[in-house]
Amino acid sequence: MDAYTADFSAFLQASPSSYHAAAEVARRLDAAGFTRLSESESWTEAASNYVVRDGAVIAWSQPAGAGPTTPFRILGAHTDSPGFKLKPKPTIGSHGWLQAGVEVYGGPLLNSWLDRELELAGRLVTRNGTEHLVRTGPFLRIPQLAVHLDREANNGLTLDRQRHLTPVFGVGNASKADLVAHLAGLAGLRAADVAGYDILTADTQPPTTFGLGHELFAAGRLDNLSSVYAGLCALIQVSGRPTEIGPISVLAAFDHEELGSQSRSGASGPLLDDILTRIGHGATGPQRMQAYAESWCLSADAGHAVHPNYPERHDPANTPILGGGPLLKINANQRYATDAHGAALWARTCAQANVEYQEFVSNNTVPCGSTIGPLTATRLGIRVVDVGVPLLSMHSARELCHVNDPQALSAAAAAFFAPEA
């Protein structure tokens, strides 16, 4: 457990943006003997391969006897998290302060980002199309107004997204500063070389365990790097097992889930379908339908544990706790894609892995979120079951889980990839 948590912490610290996460996944796959393939070239496949598209990674391991009708076992997750993204003309300022122009990305818990040392991280693209990853380390802060100047702050904090969430990074005249030039310099570039960028904020406080027995784990981006890392470890584990038969194991770590997944690297885009077609040697028609009919997707995304201070926001009969095992996520309106067959598969999978699990369903008065699960089921017609690690403070700059649950998810993912006969 300590080894898993320590390495997971290292993974999180290497992954302040979706682009860094994809690069770290790729680095670890390279070390495990996977072969990186280019979408623009013909493929001569090895047993274990992967493709990177922007901030997304699709990796797979296939048995020697795989063919056009071999089914898939897919673990779907996402690499992005809510926060803030750098706008064009990002160097702004007011009243002697240097500030960064940012746009809200996804649905962050806004107040959790106040008074924290943040970094900028992402990619710079030069005029010739070359991509450079960059990160600043501690660089920004969104300062909250002192309570002396807002005596009602503790009775109801209201944040204007345009006026109140602009981070500071120094003092001086904004016309004489250049944030893009600073980022370019960190990447060994000139500001004039940078033609485009995708730069986001991330919390810089390291992951940590705390509490009685150090059983609680706090970090940024647990939603949803907890699932990406669990799936990565599971895929690497099963790729080392020589086998002639069995399903093709796939890790699909998409980007842009927090925005609705409608992008070329998101789950609503063509990425997974395109890759599965190429893995299946271009199978179409009956062969493709035959492969998909026996395939499964495990949509792994973080879920909600019962909050001890707000128990009325949870279903009174289904109250998952931290440390109780990964969640089986269920929704009558298919906001999660789990059905009875999916529940049965998850029960078999967790029994094989010797893992306890918990069921999650929303309180009827609280709208249910969604995942890539329904999107995948709709696009591909593959059966999907929604699962994930239980959290508190989801979409906060710093989220909370139990040290046992991420490893339990990884163990279940390994069993899902390599089901017993």
Protein backbone atom coordinates (compact mmCIF):
# COMPACT_ATOMS: atom_id res chain seq x y z
CA MET A 1 0.00 0.00 0.00
CA ASP A 2 2.78 2.46 0.89
CA ALA A 3 4.55 1.69 -2.40
CA TYR A 4 1.37 2.22 -4.44
CA THR A 5 0.57 5.50 -2.68
CA ALA A 6 4.15 6.77 -3.06
CA ASP A 7 4.27 6.00 -6.77
CA PHE A 8 0.78 7.39 -7.30
CA SER A 9 1.95 10.59 -5.61
CA ALA A 10 4.91 10.75 -8.00
CA PHE A 11 2.54 10.24 -10.94
CA LEU A 12 0.32 13.08 -9.74
CA GLN A 13 3.26 15.44 -9.28
CA ALA A 14 4.45 14.68 -12.82
CA SER A 15 0.98 15.41 -14.24
CA PRO A 16 -0.11 19.03 -13.59
CA SER A 17 -1.96 19.17 -16.94
CA SER A 18 -3.59 16.67 -19.27
CA TYR A 19 -0.61 17.04 -21.62
CA HIS A 20 1.86 16.26 -18.83
CA ALA A 21 -0.32 13.32 -17.75
CA ALA A 22 -0.28 11.89 -21.28
CA ALA A 23 3.50 12.31 -21.41
CA GLU A 24 3.94 10.60 -18.04
CA VAL A 25 1.70 7.71 -19.09
CA ALA A 26 3.77 7.40 -22.28
CA ARG A 27 7.03 7.45 -20.31
CA ARG A 28 5.84 4.64 -18.07
CA LEU A 29 4.53 2.60 -21.00
CA ASP A 30 7.90 2.97 -22.74
CA ALA A 31 9.62 1.69 -19.61
CA ALA A 32 7.26 -1.30 -19.55
CA GLY A 33 8.14 -2.27 -23.14
CA PHE A 34 5.16 -0.80 -24.99
CA THR A 35 5.65 0.54 -28.53
CA ARG A 36 4.49 4.03 -29.43
CA LEU A 37 2.66 4.21 -32.75
CA SER A 38 1.87 7.21 -34.92
CA GLU A 39 -1.64 7.67 -36.26
CA SER A 40 -0.23 9.11 -39.48
CA GLU A 41 1.85 6.03 -40.31
CA SER A 42 1.21 2.39 -41.14
CA TRP A 43 1.30 0.10 -38.12
CA THR A 44 3.46 -2.95 -37.62
CA GLU A 45 2.10 -3.84 -34.25
CA ALA A 46 3.86 -5.46 -31.33
CA ALA A 47 1.89 -7.17 -28.57
CA SER A 48 1.66 -3.96 -26.52
CA ASN A 49 1.26 -0.52 -28.08
CA TYR A 50 -0.03 2.97 -27.49
CA VAL A 51 -1.01 6.20 -29.25
CA VAL A 52 -0.93 9.75 -27.89
CA ARG A 53 -3.31 12.37 -29.25
CA ASP A 54 -2.88 15.76 -27.55
CA GLY A 55 -3.76 15.15 -23.87
CA ALA A 56 -5.18 11.67 -24.46
CA VAL A 57 -3.59 8.22 -24.57
CA ILE A 58 -4.94 4.93 -25.91
CA ALA A 59 -2.82 1.91 -24.93
CA TRP A 60 -3.48 -1.77 -25.48
CA SER A 61 -2.09 -5.24 -25.01
CA GLN A 62 -3.31 -8.13 -27.13
CA PRO A 63 -2.90 -11.89 -26.98
CA ALA A 64 -0.95 -13.65 -29.72
CA GLY A 65 -4.09 -15.19 -31.15
CA ALA A 66 -6.07 -11.94 -31.45
CA GLY A 67 -8.03 -11.42 -34.66
CA PRO A 68 -10.82 -9.28 -36.14
CA THR A 69 -13.48 -10.77 -33.83
CA THR A 70 -11.48 -10.73 -30.60
CA PRO A 71 -13.44 -8.72 -27.99
CA PHE A 72 -12.07 -5.75 -26.07
CA ARG A 73 -11.85 -4.99 -22.37
CA ILE A 74 -11.57 -1.18 -22.17
CA LEU A 75 -10.93 0.94 -19.12
CA GLY A 76 -12.01 4.49 -19.90
CA ALA A 77 -10.83 7.47 -17.84
CA HIS A 78 -9.87 11.11 -18.36
CA THR A 79 -6.73 13.19 -17.90
CA ASP A 80 -8.20 16.68 -17.40
CA SER A 81 -9.48 18.35 -14.24
CA PRO A 82 -11.40 21.57 -13.54
CA GLY A 83 -9.44 24.76 -13.00
CA PHE A 84 -8.44 27.79 -15.04
CA LYS A 85 -6.97 28.19 -18.51
CA LEU A 86 -4.77 31.02 -19.78
CA LYS A 87 -6.52 33.42 -22.16
CA PRO A 88 -5.02 35.15 -25.21
CA LYS A 89 -3.17 38.36 -24.24
CA PRO A 90 -2.71 36.89 -20.75
CA THR A 91 -0.48 39.57 -19.20
CA ILE A 92 -2.79 42.04 -17.50
CA GLY A 93 -2.72 44.03 -14.30
CA SER A 94 -4.31 46.63 -12.09
CA HIS A 95 -3.21 49.08 -9.38
CA GLY A 96 0.42 48.03 -9.52
CA TRP A 97 -0.23 44.29 -9.67
CA LEU A 98 0.78 41.90 -12.44
CA GLN A 99 -2.05 39.48 -13.17
CA ALA A 100 -2.80 36.59 -15.51
CA GLY A 101 -5.92 36.60 -17.65
CA VAL A 102 -7.61 33.22 -17.15
CA GLU A 103 -10.85 31.55 -18.18
CA VAL A 104 -12.71 29.06 -16.00
CA TYR A 105 -12.14 25.50 -17.28
CA GLY A 106 -14.91 23.04 -16.48
CA GLY A 107 -16.74 23.22 -13.14
CA PRO A 108 -14.20 23.87 -10.38
CA LEU A 109 -15.21 24.47 -6.76
CA LEU A 110 -14.16 28.10 -7.10
CA ASN A 111 -13.52 29.05 -3.49
CA SER A 112 -11.09 26.14 -3.08
CA TRP A 113 -8.69 27.83 -5.51
CA LEU A 114 -8.35 30.97 -3.42
CA ASP A 115 -5.16 31.72 -1.47
CA ARG A 116 -3.17 28.80 -2.90
CA GLU A 117 0.17 28.81 -4.66
CA LEU A 118 -0.69 27.71 -8.18
CA GLU A 119 1.43 26.86 -11.19
CA LEU A 120 0.90 27.21 -14.91
CA ALA A 121 1.34 24.01 -16.89
CA GLY A 122 0.57 22.78 -20.38
CA ARG A 123 1.96 23.04 -23.89
CA LEU A 124 3.46 25.69 -26.13
CA VAL A 125 3.32 25.20 -29.90
CA THR A 126 5.82 26.94 -32.16
CA ARG A 127 5.12 28.25 -35.66
CA ASN A 128 6.41 25.03 -37.24
CA GLY A 129 3.96 22.96 -35.16
CA THR A 130 6.45 21.60 -32.63
CA GLU A 131 5.00 21.04 -29.17
CA HIS A 132 6.86 21.86 -25.94
CA LEU A 133 5.63 20.98 -22.45
CA VAL A 134 6.15 23.66 -19.82
CA ARG A 135 5.41 24.21 -16.13
CA THR A 136 6.29 27.09 -13.86
CA GLY A 137 6.21 25.65 -10.36
CA PRO A 138 4.62 27.95 -7.73
CA PHE A 139 3.82 31.15 -9.64
CA LEU A 140 0.25 32.41 -9.15
CA ARG A 141 -2.22 33.14 -6.38
CA ILE A 142 -5.89 34.19 -6.40
CA PRO A 143 -6.03 36.39 -3.31
CA GLN A 144 -9.25 36.53 -1.34
CA LEU A 145 -10.58 39.81 0.00
CA ALA A 146 -9.84 40.20 3.71
CA VAL A 147 -12.81 39.68 6.02
CA HIS A 148 -12.26 43.22 7.37
CA LEU A 149 -13.28 44.50 3.92
CA ASP A 150 -16.21 42.10 3.51
CA ARG A 151 -17.87 41.42 6.85
CA GLU A 152 -20.46 39.17 5.19
CA ALA A 153 -17.94 36.85 3.50
CA ASN A 154 -18.53 34.07 6.03
CA ASN A 155 -22.29 34.34 5.54
CA GLY A 156 -22.17 33.70 1.81
CA LEU A 157 -19.21 34.13 -0.50
CA THR A 158 -20.08 35.24 -4.03
CA LEU A 159 -17.32 35.19 -6.64
CA ASP A 160 -17.64 36.99 -9.96
CA ARG A 161 -15.78 34.79 -12.46
CA GLN A 162 -14.43 37.75 -14.41
CA ARG A 163 -13.56 40.18 -11.61
CA HIS A 164 -12.65 38.08 -8.58
CA LEU A 165 -10.71 35.13 -9.99
CA THR A 166 -7.81 36.86 -11.70
CA PRO A 167 -4.56 35.57 -10.14
CA VAL A 168 -1.58 37.77 -9.27
CA PHE A 169 2.00 36.83 -10.12
CA GLY A 170 3.96 39.95 -9.27
CA VAL A 171 4.00 43.71 -9.00
CA GLY A 172 4.83 46.29 -11.64
CA ASN A 173 3.62 47.65 -14.94
CA ALA A 174 1.77 45.05 -17.04
CA SER A 175 2.83 46.79 -20.25
CA LYS A 176 6.44 45.97 -19.41
CA ALA A 177 5.85 42.30 -18.52
CA ASP A 178 5.25 39.32 -20.82
CA LEU A 179 3.85 36.12 -19.37
CA VAL A 180 4.17 34.21 -22.64
CA ALA A 181 7.84 35.23 -22.85
CA HIS A 182 8.37 33.84 -19.36
CA LEU A 183 6.79 30.52 -20.33
CA ALA A 184 8.76 30.43 -23.57
CA GLY A 185 11.99 31.00 -21.66
CA LEU A 186 11.25 28.05 -19.37
CA ALA A 187 10.90 25.90 -22.51
CA GLY A 188 14.10 27.27 -24.07
CA LEU A 189 12.19 29.27 -26.66
CA ARG A 190 11.78 32.90 -27.66
CA ALA A 191 8.38 34.51 -27.21
CA ALA A 192 8.29 35.17 -30.96
CA ASP A 193 8.56 31.42 -31.57
CA VAL A 194 5.30 30.67 -29.72
CA ALA A 195 2.28 30.66 -32.02
CA GLY A 196 -0.20 28.96 -29.70
CA TYR A 197 -0.58 27.52 -26.22
CA ASP A 198 -2.84 25.45 -23.99
CA ILE A 199 -1.83 26.43 -20.46
CA LEU A 200 -3.81 25.60 -17.32
CA THR A 201 -3.48 26.10 -13.58
CA ALA A 202 -2.65 23.39 -11.04
CA ASP A 203 -2.25 23.38 -7.29
CA THR A 204 1.39 23.02 -6.24
CA GLN A 205 0.94 21.53 -2.76
CA PRO A 206 2.37 17.99 -2.85
CA PRO A 207 0.08 14.97 -2.27
CA THR A 208 0.11 13.84 1.34
CA THR A 209 -1.27 11.21 3.69
CA PHE A 210 -2.61 12.33 7.04
CA GLY A 211 -5.01 11.47 9.85
CA LEU A 212 -5.16 8.46 12.14
CA GLY A 213 -2.78 5.86 10.74
CA HIS A 214 -2.13 8.15 7.74
CA GLU A 215 -5.10 6.52 6.01
CA LEU A 216 -6.39 9.68 4.32
CA PHE A 217 -4.85 10.95 1.09
CA ALA A 218 -5.17 14.50 -0.23
CA ALA A 219 -4.03 15.77 -3.62
CA GLY A 220 -5.07 17.76 -6.63
CA ARG A 221 -6.50 16.06 -9.72
CA LEU A 222 -7.64 12.84 -8.01
CA ASP A 223 -10.60 13.29 -10.36
CA ASN A 224 -9.59 11.62 -12.53
CA LEU A 225 -5.92 10.70 -12.39
CA SER A 226 -6.82 8.13 -9.73
CA SER A 227 -8.49 6.13 -12.52
CA VAL A 228 -5.81 6.83 -15.13
CA TYR A 229 -3.06 5.58 -12.81
CA ALA A 230 -5.10 2.56 -11.67
CA GLY A 231 -5.76 1.56 -15.28
CA LEU A 232 -2.15 2.15 -16.29
CA CYS A 233 -0.81 -0.08 -13.50
CA ALA A 234 -3.36 -2.77 -14.34
CA LEU A 235 -2.57 -2.70 -18.07
CA ILE A 236 1.18 -2.94 -17.46
CA GLN A 237 0.56 -5.83 -15.07
CA VAL A 238 -1.52 -7.88 -17.51
CA SER A 239 0.73 -7.07 -20.48
CA GLY A 240 3.44 -9.16 -18.86
CA ARG A 241 1.30 -12.31 -18.90
CA PRO A 242 1.98 -14.47 -21.97
CA THR A 243 -1.30 -15.70 -23.41
CA GLU A 244 -2.59 -17.00 -26.73
CA ILE A 245 -6.24 -16.21 -26.16
CA GLY A 246 -8.37 -13.73 -24.25
CA PRO A 247 -9.65 -10.21 -24.78
CA ILE A 248 -7.59 -7.25 -25.97
CA SER A 249 -6.94 -5.02 -22.93
CA VAL A 250 -7.26 -1.27 -23.61
CA LEU A 251 -6.60 1.82 -21.51
CA ALA A 252 -8.45 4.83 -22.95
CA ALA A 253 -7.42 8.00 -21.11
CA PHE A 254 -9.37 10.81 -22.80
CA ASP A 255 -9.04 14.57 -22.47
CA HIS A 256 -11.79 17.22 -22.09
CA GLU A 257 -14.24 15.13 -20.05
CA GLU A 258 -14.78 18.11 -17.74
CA LEU A 259 -15.99 20.10 -20.76
CA GLY A 260 -18.39 17.46 -22.06
CA SER A 261 -15.91 15.35 -24.07
CA GLN A 262 -16.76 16.92 -27.43
CA SER A 263 -13.31 17.22 -28.95
CA ARG A 264 -10.92 15.20 -31.13
CA SER A 265 -9.28 13.80 -28.00
CA GLY A 266 -12.48 13.46 -25.97
CA ALA A 267 -14.74 10.46 -25.50
CA SER A 268 -17.41 11.92 -27.81
CA GLY A 269 -14.87 12.16 -30.62
CA PRO A 270 -13.71 9.41 -32.99
CA LEU A 271 -10.44 8.54 -31.22
CA LEU A 272 -11.39 5.27 -29.52
CA ASP A 273 -13.48 3.98 -32.43
CA ASP A 274 -10.66 4.75 -34.87
CA ILE A 275 -8.05 2.99 -32.74
CA LEU A 276 -10.23 -0.08 -32.12
CA THR A 277 -10.82 -0.36 -35.87
CA ARG A 278 -7.09 -0.35 -36.53
CA ILE A 279 -6.39 -2.81 -33.72
CA GLY A 280 -9.08 -5.07 -35.18
CA HIS A 281 -7.22 -5.06 -38.51
CA GLY A 282 -9.87 -2.87 -40.13
CA ALA A 283 -12.73 -5.20 -39.26
CA THR A 284 -16.08 -3.86 -40.44
CA GLY A 285 -19.65 -5.11 -40.62
CA PRO A 286 -20.37 -8.50 -39.02
CA GLN A 287 -16.84 -9.04 -37.67
CA ARG A 288 -16.81 -5.66 -35.97
CA MET A 289 -20.27 -6.23 -34.49
CA GLN A 290 -19.17 -9.67 -33.28
CA ALA A 291 -16.15 -8.20 -31.50
CA TYR A 292 -18.15 -5.37 -29.93
CA ALA A 293 -20.97 -7.67 -28.83
CA GLU A 294 -18.61 -9.49 -26.44
CA SER A 295 -16.69 -6.36 -25.39
CA TRP A 296 -16.94 -4.37 -22.17
CA CYS A 297 -15.91 -0.87 -21.11
CA LEU A 298 -15.18 -0.02 -17.49
CA SER A 299 -15.88 3.71 -17.25
CA ALA A 300 -13.67 4.61 -14.30
CA ASP A 301 -14.24 8.08 -12.86
CA ALA A 302 -14.18 9.37 -9.30
CA GLY A 303 -17.45 9.40 -7.34
CA HIS A 304 -18.87 10.78 -4.12
CA ALA A 305 -18.46 9.37 -0.63
CA VAL A 306 -21.04 10.40 1.96
CA HIS A 307 -20.12 13.75 3.50
CA PRO A 308 -20.43 13.67 7.32
CA ASN A 309 -21.39 17.37 7.45
CA TYR A 310 -23.98 17.15 4.66
CA PRO A 311 -25.56 13.67 4.93
CA GLU A 312 -28.90 15.02 3.67
CA ARG A 313 -27.32 15.46 0.21
CA HIS A 314 -26.89 11.69 -0.17
CA ASP A 315 -29.26 8.78 -0.65
CA PRO A 316 -30.14 7.57 2.87
CA ALA A 317 -29.81 3.87 2.00
CA ASN A 318 -26.64 4.05 -0.13
CA THR A 319 -23.92 5.87 1.79
CA PRO A 320 -20.47 4.83 0.52
CA ILE A 321 -17.53 5.68 2.77
CA LEU A 322 -13.85 6.31 2.23
CA GLY A 323 -11.95 3.04 2.60
CA GLY A 324 -14.97 0.92 1.75
CA GLY A 325 -13.72 0.08 -1.74
CA PRO A 326 -14.40 1.44 -5.22
CA LEU A 327 -17.89 2.49 -6.24
CA LEU A 328 -20.36 0.86 -8.58
CA LYS A 329 -22.20 3.93 -9.92
CA ILE A 330 -25.88 3.54 -10.84
CA ASN A 331 -28.46 5.97 -12.20
CA ALA A 332 -31.98 5.18 -13.39
CA ASN A 333 -31.75 7.82 -16.14
CA GLN A 334 -28.51 6.40 -17.56
CA ARG A 335 -26.32 9.31 -16.46
CA TYR A 336 -24.18 6.33 -15.49
CA ALA A 337 -24.27 3.43 -17.95
CA THR A 338 -24.37 0.57 -15.41
CA ASP A 339 -27.18 -1.95 -15.88
CA ALA A 340 -27.90 -5.33 -14.27
CA HIS A 341 -25.38 -7.15 -16.48
CA GLY A 342 -22.78 -4.52 -15.65
CA ALA A 343 -23.45 -4.91 -11.95
CA ALA A 344 -22.99 -8.66 -12.27
CA LEU A 345 -19.72 -8.22 -14.18
CA TRP A 346 -18.41 -5.83 -11.51
CA ALA A 347 -19.36 -8.31 -8.76
CA ARG A 348 -17.43 -11.10 -10.54
CA THR A 349 -14.48 -8.81 -11.21
CA CYS A 350 -14.18 -7.64 -7.60
CA ALA A 351 -14.56 -11.19 -6.30
CA GLN A 352 -11.72 -12.30 -8.59
CA ALA A 353 -9.57 -9.42 -7.30
CA ASN A 354 -10.63 -10.00 -3.66
CA VAL A 355 -11.84 -6.40 -3.49
CA GLU A 356 -14.84 -5.03 -1.62
CA TYR A 357 -17.00 -2.50 -3.46
CA GLN A 358 -19.84 -0.10 -2.69
CA GLU A 359 -22.88 1.07 -4.61
CA PHE A 360 -23.55 4.75 -5.28
CA VAL A 361 -26.83 6.32 -6.36
CA SER A 362 -27.79 9.99 -6.12
CA ASN A 363 -30.34 11.49 -3.80
CA ASN A 364 -33.46 12.16 -5.89
CA THR A 365 -33.30 15.87 -5.09
CA VAL A 366 -29.67 16.27 -6.22
CA PRO A 367 -28.97 16.21 -9.99
CA CYS A 368 -26.67 13.39 -11.02
CA GLY A 369 -23.45 14.09 -12.89
CA SER A 370 -22.29 11.93 -15.76
CA THR A 371 -19.18 10.29 -17.19
CA ILE A 372 -17.76 9.00 -20.44
CA GLY A 373 -19.71 5.78 -19.84
CA PRO A 374 -22.99 6.75 -21.55
CA LEU A 375 -21.02 8.41 -24.37
CA THR A 376 -19.06 5.23 -25.05
CA ALA A 377 -22.15 3.04 -24.90
CA THR A 378 -23.94 5.35 -27.33
CA ARG A 379 -21.07 5.73 -29.80
CA LEU A 380 -19.91 2.11 -29.92
CA GLY A 381 -22.78 -0.01 -28.62
CA ILE A 382 -20.37 -1.67 -26.18
CA ARG A 383 -21.69 -2.59 -22.75
CA VAL A 384 -20.43 -0.21 -20.07
CA VAL A 385 -20.25 -0.28 -16.29
CA ASP A 386 -19.50 2.92 -14.33
CA VAL A 387 -17.15 2.69 -11.35
CA GLY A 388 -14.64 4.87 -9.51
CA VAL A 389 -12.82 5.83 -6.32
CA PRO A 390 -14.98 7.58 -3.67
CA LEU A 391 -13.90 11.16 -2.86
CA LEU A 392 -14.77 14.12 -0.73
CA SER A 393 -14.28 17.65 -2.10
CA MET A 394 -14.65 16.63 -5.75
CA HIS A 395 -13.68 19.44 -8.14
CA SER A 396 -11.80 21.20 -5.37
CA ALA A 397 -8.24 22.29 -6.04
CA ARG A 398 -7.37 19.54 -3.55
CA GLU A 399 -9.50 16.41 -3.23
CA LEU A 400 -9.62 13.67 -0.57
CA CYS A 401 -9.71 9.87 -0.69
CA HIS A 402 -8.65 6.85 1.40
CA VAL A 403 -5.27 5.29 0.67
CA ASN A 404 -6.84 1.85 0.18
CA ASP A 405 -9.37 2.71 -2.51
CA PRO A 406 -7.12 3.67 -5.48
CA GLN A 407 -5.12 0.45 -5.18
CA ALA A 408 -8.33 -1.57 -4.84
CA LEU A 409 -9.56 -0.01 -8.09
CA SER A 410 -6.29 -0.97 -9.79
CA ALA A 411 -6.57 -4.57 -8.56
CA ALA A 412 -10.13 -4.76 -9.88
CA ALA A 413 -9.02 -3.24 -13.19
CA ALA A 414 -6.36 -5.95 -13.58
CA ALA A 415 -9.02 -8.62 -13.00
CA PHE A 416 -11.30 -6.87 -15.50
CA PHE A 417 -8.54 -6.94 -18.14
CA ALA A 418 -7.77 -10.64 -17.50
CA PRO A 419 -11.05 -12.32 -16.47
CA GLU A 420 -10.96 -15.86 -15.18
CA ALA A 421 -12.56 -18.46 -17.40
